[in-house]
Amino acid sequence: MILKTKNTSMEIDVVVFDKDGTLIGNLSTWKYIFNQYVATAKVMGYDIQAAADQLFGASTERMDAPLVTYYAKEAMTLMASAIWLSHQLSWPKCRSIAHDLVINTNAHLDRNILYQPNPGAVEVVKWLSQEVPVCIATSDDRDATVRMMKHLNIEEHISAISTSDEVEQGKPAPDILLKLSQELSVPAERMVLIGANEVDAFTACNAHAKSIMVGHFHPQATDWVKDLQELLDLNHPSKLQ
């Protein structure tokens, strides 16, 4: 299909979406999750606010901070490090506490906050899936990604998922896209990765795929759109909201 963006159009056979910051969530979502981790730690008797804030970069607005870009499997290590810095417990004890903290917190997160779709996200996924395979490539884990898909009612529209836990190297290495390329038997050059973080632009570039940034332009990206609603409007005007 031909996919139009602000300044160009591209011929592609597969569309790949990043999850966090693209389909769902933004900086306030990541801060919500972080604050829940810290609150759970406090209930467990561990005040880790200052150390965790520094480790995650939670007080910054940087989109390359750990708060925004950490892999799902790194959450426990970051929290264990905050416990170590704050309380000087043995490292095995820190790991054990962090494991329970993250698991318990994740189980009680408000899914209406966690999985709030960004403008046009659900609509553009459903429309594109009628034209080409639509996939998700994320630094989150598979279980969380499937929960999001079910919550948004887009599960039947997603052809494949690739997560950082399932490849040798996560973003910005190309592995996460090359895995999809192999599964679908489509060259990476015929794929486009749609994401909201510069790491997505570098991931696509390293895989020799195309990329579209959401919300801003990046010099490594093929092009950009204001949001996913604009992408939908540029390509399928009858879907104007």
Foldseek 3Di string as FASTA:
>chain_A
DWFDADPGIDFFFEEEEEAEPAFDYDLVLLLVLLVLLQVLCVVVPARLVVQLCVQQVNVDPDCPGNSNDPFQVCQLVSQLVSRCVRPVDDSVVSSVVSVVSNVVSVVPDDVCSNQVTDPQNLVLLVVVLVPHAYAYEYSYDPVVVVVSCVVSVCVVSHDYYFYCVVFPGHFPAQGRVVVVCVVVVHQQCRYEYEEAGVSRLSNSVNSNYAYEHECDDDPSHPYYHPGNLRSCCVPPVVPND
